Amino acid sequence: MTTTPDTSSSILIVDDMEENLVALEAVLGSLTQKVVRARSGEEALKAMLREEFAVVLIDVLMPGMNGFETAANIKGLDQTKDVPIILLTGASVDPNYAYRGYTVGAADFLIKPFDPWLLRTKVNVFLELHRKNRQLAAQAEQLKRLLTSDEQPRGEGTPAAPTPGAAHAPLPATTVSASAAPPPPVAPEGARVAEEPGEAGEAGQSATPPESQEFRAHSEPPPPVSPGAGDASRLAEIAGQLADVELLLRDAQGTDKERLADRIAELEQAVGRLMVSRGT
């Protein structure tokens, strides 16, 4: 089975000698990555401006622009400053070469003849780091798109078209004011309506204290929960009702207190349903 090279993580090798380039290609061939050649520092800079590389291997001793100057120029460009560089040099070199290489921004320094396994291992570390960075960048971009899309609530971009008879449809019950309360029932002629709790007791019927209009206003069932436009406004209305009921609960007693507590539970459930419908 043949392995397809991962062209997203290319390797650049820079050396003025053909035999050295062939040897590097042979050592790195098992990594199945795309390997690009450059015969000079100038050619290496042009290649890096045209293409993205995961790691660069540069020979120190080259005519014209040597390896140190090439590495310094790579690190001086915003487009290529983050690309890791491995410097390669012969055995008979100045002991200060390694220090000089790290000074110009090289990530590693190897002396020829090097162990092929060691070189592949070091290069593979930078390849894996490059893949992880690309993956993190893709995830960050995806998260940015999700956050941007969440800034516009679903269903609020365009108003929904009115349905037939919508103008006569009743609105969801939220807060009932005193002026909107239904009128008292009209008693038949000749019937005597008990207006005091004591009179109802005399008739043998159990009388309960009349509920205040303020209590009735907050004991209505919570508004229906439907996803789409208006979720935010319904959530604000329910939150306002919940605050009002909690205030009434402080002064309520007996049956009113129990009903207000039940009302708080209903409002909290309505808030939960709205949050689920909005996907939060």
Protein backbone atom coordinates (compact mmCIF):
# COMPACT_ATOMS: atom_id res chain seq x y z
CA MET A 1 0.00 0.00 0.00
CA THR A 2 1.40 3.40 -0.95
CA THR A 3 1.31 6.32 1.46
CA THR A 4 0.24 9.70 0.13
CA PRO A 5 2.67 12.48 1.16
CA ASP A 6 1.28 15.08 3.54
CA THR A 7 1.84 18.21 1.46
CA SER A 8 0.48 20.43 4.25
CA SER A 9 3.75 19.92 6.20
CA SER A 10 6.56 20.45 3.69
CA ILE A 11 10.29 20.38 4.46
CA LEU A 12 12.83 22.78 2.94
CA ILE A 13 16.48 21.62 2.60
CA VAL A 14 19.12 24.21 1.73
CA ASP A 15 22.64 23.23 0.55
CA ASP A 16 24.91 24.32 -2.31
CA MET A 17 26.15 20.74 -2.95
CA GLU A 18 24.02 18.26 -4.90
CA GLU A 19 25.29 15.18 -3.03
CA ASN A 20 24.27 16.69 0.29
CA LEU A 21 20.75 17.39 -1.01
CA VAL A 22 20.44 13.81 -2.28
CA ALA A 23 21.59 12.44 1.08
CA LEU A 24 19.05 14.57 2.98
CA GLU A 25 16.24 13.48 0.67
CA ALA A 26 17.16 9.83 1.27
CA VAL A 27 17.17 10.27 5.05
CA LEU A 28 13.86 12.16 5.10
CA GLY A 29 12.11 10.00 2.51
CA SER A 30 10.59 7.66 5.10
CA LEU A 31 8.65 10.57 6.65
CA THR A 32 6.44 10.73 3.50
CA GLN A 33 6.53 14.54 3.53
CA LYS A 34 7.08 16.83 0.57
CA VAL A 35 10.76 17.87 0.42
CA VAL A 36 11.71 21.07 -1.44
CA ARG A 37 15.28 21.87 -2.51
CA ALA A 38 17.15 25.18 -2.47
CA ARG A 39 20.77 25.61 -3.67
CA SER A 40 21.42 28.97 -1.94
CA GLY A 41 20.16 31.28 0.76
CA GLU A 42 18.50 33.56 -1.76
CA GLU A 43 16.68 30.63 -3.36
CA ALA A 44 15.57 29.45 0.08
CA LEU A 45 14.02 32.83 0.91
CA LYS A 46 12.12 32.89 -2.38
CA ALA A 47 10.79 29.37 -1.75
CA MET A 48 9.60 30.29 1.76
CA LEU A 49 7.70 33.30 0.45
CA ARG A 50 5.92 31.10 -2.09
CA GLU A 51 5.09 28.15 0.16
CA GLU A 52 4.53 27.26 3.82
CA PHE A 53 7.09 24.95 5.45
CA ALA A 54 7.01 23.05 8.72
CA VAL A 55 10.82 23.03 9.18
CA VAL A 56 13.95 24.19 7.31
CA LEU A 57 17.34 22.42 7.21
CA ILE A 58 20.20 24.76 6.23
CA ASP A 59 23.85 24.02 5.64
CA VAL A 60 26.09 26.55 7.39
CA LEU A 61 28.97 26.69 4.90
CA MET A 62 27.53 28.03 1.64
CA PRO A 63 29.01 30.59 -0.78
CA GLY A 64 27.38 33.99 -0.87
CA MET A 65 24.72 34.05 1.83
CA ASN A 66 25.84 31.46 4.39
CA GLY A 67 23.60 29.48 6.73
CA PHE A 68 23.72 32.02 9.58
CA GLU A 69 22.74 34.90 7.30
CA THR A 70 19.99 32.83 5.71
CA ALA A 71 18.57 31.92 9.12
CA ALA A 72 18.73 35.55 10.26
CA ASN A 73 16.85 36.71 7.15
CA ILE A 74 14.19 34.04 7.65
CA LYS A 75 13.65 35.13 11.24
CA GLY A 76 13.50 38.77 10.14
CA LEU A 77 10.41 38.29 7.97
CA ASP A 78 6.95 38.31 9.56
CA GLN A 79 5.76 35.61 7.17
CA THR A 80 8.56 33.14 8.06
CA LYS A 81 9.77 34.16 11.52
CA ASP A 82 7.99 31.26 13.27
CA VAL A 83 9.38 28.49 11.03
CA PRO A 84 11.87 26.31 13.00
CA ILE A 85 15.40 26.07 11.57
CA ILE A 86 17.91 23.23 11.93
CA LEU A 87 21.51 24.20 11.02
CA LEU A 88 23.84 21.54 9.62
CA THR A 89 27.63 21.80 9.46
CA GLY A 90 30.79 19.69 9.04
CA ALA A 91 32.91 18.18 11.79
CA SER A 92 35.85 20.61 11.55
CA VAL A 93 34.02 23.77 12.53
CA ASP A 94 34.48 26.61 14.94
CA PRO A 95 33.29 25.64 18.47
CA ASN A 96 31.32 28.88 18.57
CA TYR A 97 29.17 27.90 15.57
CA ALA A 98 26.50 26.29 17.74
CA TYR A 99 26.22 29.38 19.95
CA ARG A 100 26.08 31.62 16.87
CA GLY A 101 23.38 29.45 15.34
CA TYR A 102 21.14 29.69 18.41
CA THR A 103 21.78 33.45 18.50
CA VAL A 104 20.29 33.96 15.02
CA GLY A 105 17.19 31.97 16.00
CA ALA A 106 17.97 28.37 14.99
CA ALA A 107 16.02 25.70 16.87
CA ASP A 108 18.74 23.03 16.64
CA PHE A 109 22.29 22.47 15.46
CA LEU A 110 23.68 19.17 14.07
CA ILE A 111 27.23 18.28 13.09
CA LYS A 112 27.96 16.04 10.09
CA PRO A 113 28.11 13.12 9.78
CA PHE A 114 24.86 12.89 11.75
CA ASP A 115 22.82 9.85 12.68
CA PRO A 116 19.93 9.48 10.15
CA TRP A 117 17.58 8.23 12.87
CA LEU A 118 18.44 11.24 15.06
CA LEU A 119 17.80 13.68 12.19
CA ARG A 120 14.46 12.06 11.30
CA THR A 121 13.40 12.16 14.96
CA LYS A 122 14.18 15.87 15.31
CA VAL A 123 12.47 16.72 12.03
CA ASN A 124 9.41 14.65 12.94
CA VAL A 125 9.03 16.62 16.19
CA PHE A 126 8.73 19.86 14.23
CA LEU A 127 6.36 18.26 11.73
CA GLU A 128 4.04 17.15 14.52
CA LEU A 129 4.22 20.61 16.11
CA HIS A 130 3.27 22.16 12.77
CA ARG A 131 0.26 19.84 12.44
CA LYS A 132 -0.92 20.69 15.95
CA ASN A 133 -0.62 24.42 15.27
CA ARG A 134 -2.67 24.10 12.09
CA GLN A 135 -5.29 22.08 13.96
CA LEU A 136 -5.52 24.68 16.74
CA ALA A 137 -5.81 27.47 14.17
CA ALA A 138 -8.67 25.63 12.43
CA GLN A 139 -10.46 25.05 15.75
CA ALA A 140 -10.03 28.72 16.71
CA GLU A 141 -11.51 29.80 13.38
CA GLN A 142 -14.45 27.43 13.82
CA LEU A 143 -15.08 28.71 17.35
CA LYS A 144 -14.95 32.28 16.08
CA ARG A 145 -17.60 31.51 13.45
CA LEU A 146 -19.84 29.87 16.07
CA LEU A 147 -19.54 32.82 18.43
CA THR A 148 -20.28 35.23 15.60
CA SER A 149 -23.38 33.28 14.57
CA ASP A 150 -24.60 33.11 18.19
CA GLU A 151 -24.57 36.92 18.42
CA GLN A 152 -27.68 36.91 16.17
CA PRO A 153 -30.43 34.94 18.00
CA ARG A 154 -32.23 32.38 15.87
CA GLY A 155 -35.45 33.63 14.33
CA GLU A 156 -34.78 37.32 15.08
CA GLY A 157 -33.19 38.20 11.74
CA THR A 158 -36.46 38.80 9.88
CA PRO A 159 -39.95 39.24 11.31
CA ALA A 160 -42.33 36.34 10.78
CA ALA A 161 -45.14 36.85 8.32
CA PRO A 162 -48.52 37.35 10.00
CA THR A 163 -50.91 34.44 9.77
CA PRO A 164 -54.61 34.84 8.89
CA GLY A 165 -56.58 35.92 11.90
CA ALA A 166 -53.48 36.80 13.85
CA ALA A 167 -54.83 40.28 14.49
CA HIS A 168 -57.73 38.73 16.46
CA ALA A 169 -55.69 36.03 18.20
CA PRO A 170 -55.46 36.49 21.98
CA LEU A 171 -52.05 37.41 23.38
CA PRO A 172 -50.30 35.09 25.87
CA ALA A 173 -51.35 35.76 29.43
CA THR A 174 -48.54 37.40 31.38
CA THR A 175 -49.48 40.09 33.91
CA VAL A 176 -53.14 40.92 34.49
CA SER A 177 -53.82 44.45 35.66
CA ALA A 178 -56.79 45.50 37.72
CA SER A 179 -58.44 47.19 34.74
CA ALA A 180 -58.15 43.97 32.69
CA ALA A 181 -59.77 41.76 35.35
CA PRO A 182 -63.13 40.19 34.30
CA PRO A 183 -66.28 41.84 35.70
CA PRO A 184 -68.04 40.11 38.60
CA PRO A 185 -70.86 37.74 37.66
CA VAL A 186 -74.36 39.19 37.60
CA ALA A 187 -76.73 37.49 40.01
CA PRO A 188 -80.28 36.65 38.86
CA GLU A 189 -83.11 38.90 39.97
CA GLY A 190 -84.33 38.13 43.43
CA ALA A 191 -81.17 36.30 44.39
CA ARG A 192 -79.28 37.58 47.38
CA VAL A 193 -75.56 37.82 46.93
CA ALA A 194 -73.44 37.41 50.05
CA GLU A 195 -70.99 40.30 50.26
CA GLU A 196 -69.42 39.50 53.59
CA PRO A 197 -67.62 36.30 54.59
CA GLY A 198 -69.97 35.93 57.53
CA GLU A 199 -73.06 35.80 55.38
CA ALA A 200 -71.67 32.96 53.30
CA GLY A 201 -70.98 31.05 56.47
CA GLU A 202 -74.57 31.47 57.59
CA ALA A 203 -75.69 29.78 54.37
CA GLY A 204 -73.65 26.69 55.23
CA GLN A 205 -71.00 27.21 52.62
CA SER A 206 -67.28 27.33 53.40
CA ALA A 207 -65.96 30.81 52.65
CA THR A 208 -62.33 31.58 51.72
CA PRO A 209 -60.85 35.06 51.90
CA PRO A 210 -61.04 36.82 48.53
CA GLU A 211 -57.76 36.84 46.63
CA SER A 212 -56.33 40.23 45.88
CA GLN A 213 -56.09 41.38 42.31
CA GLU A 214 -52.32 41.63 42.72
CA PHE A 215 -52.16 37.96 43.74
CA ARG A 216 -54.41 36.92 40.82
CA ALA A 217 -52.19 38.87 38.45
CA HIS A 218 -49.21 36.70 39.40
CA SER A 219 -51.06 33.39 39.70
CA GLU A 220 -51.83 33.10 35.99
CA PRO A 221 -50.11 30.20 34.20
CA PRO A 222 -46.73 31.02 32.59
CA PRO A 223 -46.77 32.09 28.94
CA PRO A 224 -46.45 29.30 26.37
CA VAL A 225 -42.84 28.53 25.37
CA SER A 226 -42.17 28.39 21.65
CA PRO A 227 -38.71 28.66 20.04
CA GLY A 228 -37.93 31.45 17.65
CA ALA A 229 -38.61 35.17 17.76
CA GLY A 230 -39.70 36.61 21.10
CA ASP A 231 -37.80 34.16 23.33
CA ALA A 232 -35.71 36.97 24.75
CA SER A 233 -38.73 39.17 25.52
CA ARG A 234 -40.64 36.25 27.08
CA LEU A 235 -37.65 35.45 29.22
CA ALA A 236 -37.53 39.06 30.42
CA GLU A 237 -41.27 39.05 31.20
CA ILE A 238 -41.03 35.81 33.17
CA ALA A 239 -38.03 37.15 35.08
CA GLY A 240 -40.04 40.26 35.98
CA GLN A 241 -43.01 38.17 37.14
CA LEU A 242 -40.71 35.99 39.20
CA ALA A 243 -39.27 39.02 40.99
CA ASP A 244 -42.77 40.39 41.71
CA VAL A 245 -44.02 37.07 43.06
CA GLU A 246 -41.00 36.73 45.34
CA LEU A 247 -41.78 40.16 46.79
CA LEU A 248 -45.43 39.17 47.41
CA LEU A 249 -44.28 35.93 49.03
CA ARG A 250 -42.57 37.83 51.86
CA ASP A 251 -45.86 39.29 53.13
CA ALA A 252 -48.21 36.44 52.14
CA GLN A 253 -49.67 34.02 54.71
CA GLY A 254 -51.57 30.76 54.68
CA THR A 255 -53.03 29.62 51.39
CA ASP A 256 -51.75 32.65 49.47
CA LYS A 257 -48.19 31.83 50.50
CA GLU A 258 -48.51 28.24 49.26
CA ARG A 259 -49.97 29.37 45.92
CA LEU A 260 -47.25 31.98 45.45
CA ALA A 261 -44.61 29.31 46.11
CA ASP A 262 -46.22 27.09 43.47
CA ARG A 263 -46.26 30.06 41.09
CA ILE A 264 -42.50 30.59 41.59
CA ALA A 265 -41.87 26.92 40.72
CA GLU A 266 -43.96 27.27 37.53
CA LEU A 267 -42.06 30.38 36.46
CA GLU A 268 -38.71 28.70 37.09
CA GLN A 269 -39.80 25.75 34.92
CA ALA A 270 -40.84 28.18 32.16
CA VAL A 271 -37.41 29.83 32.31
CA GLY A 272 -35.78 26.40 32.00
CA ARG A 273 -37.88 25.55 28.95
CA LEU A 274 -36.99 28.86 27.29
CA MET A 275 -33.28 28.30 27.92
CA VAL A 276 -33.49 24.80 26.38
CA SER A 277 -35.38 26.12 23.33
CA ARG A 278 -32.63 28.72 22.77
CA GLY A 279 -29.98 26.02 22.90
CA THR A 280 -28.17 27.43 25.98
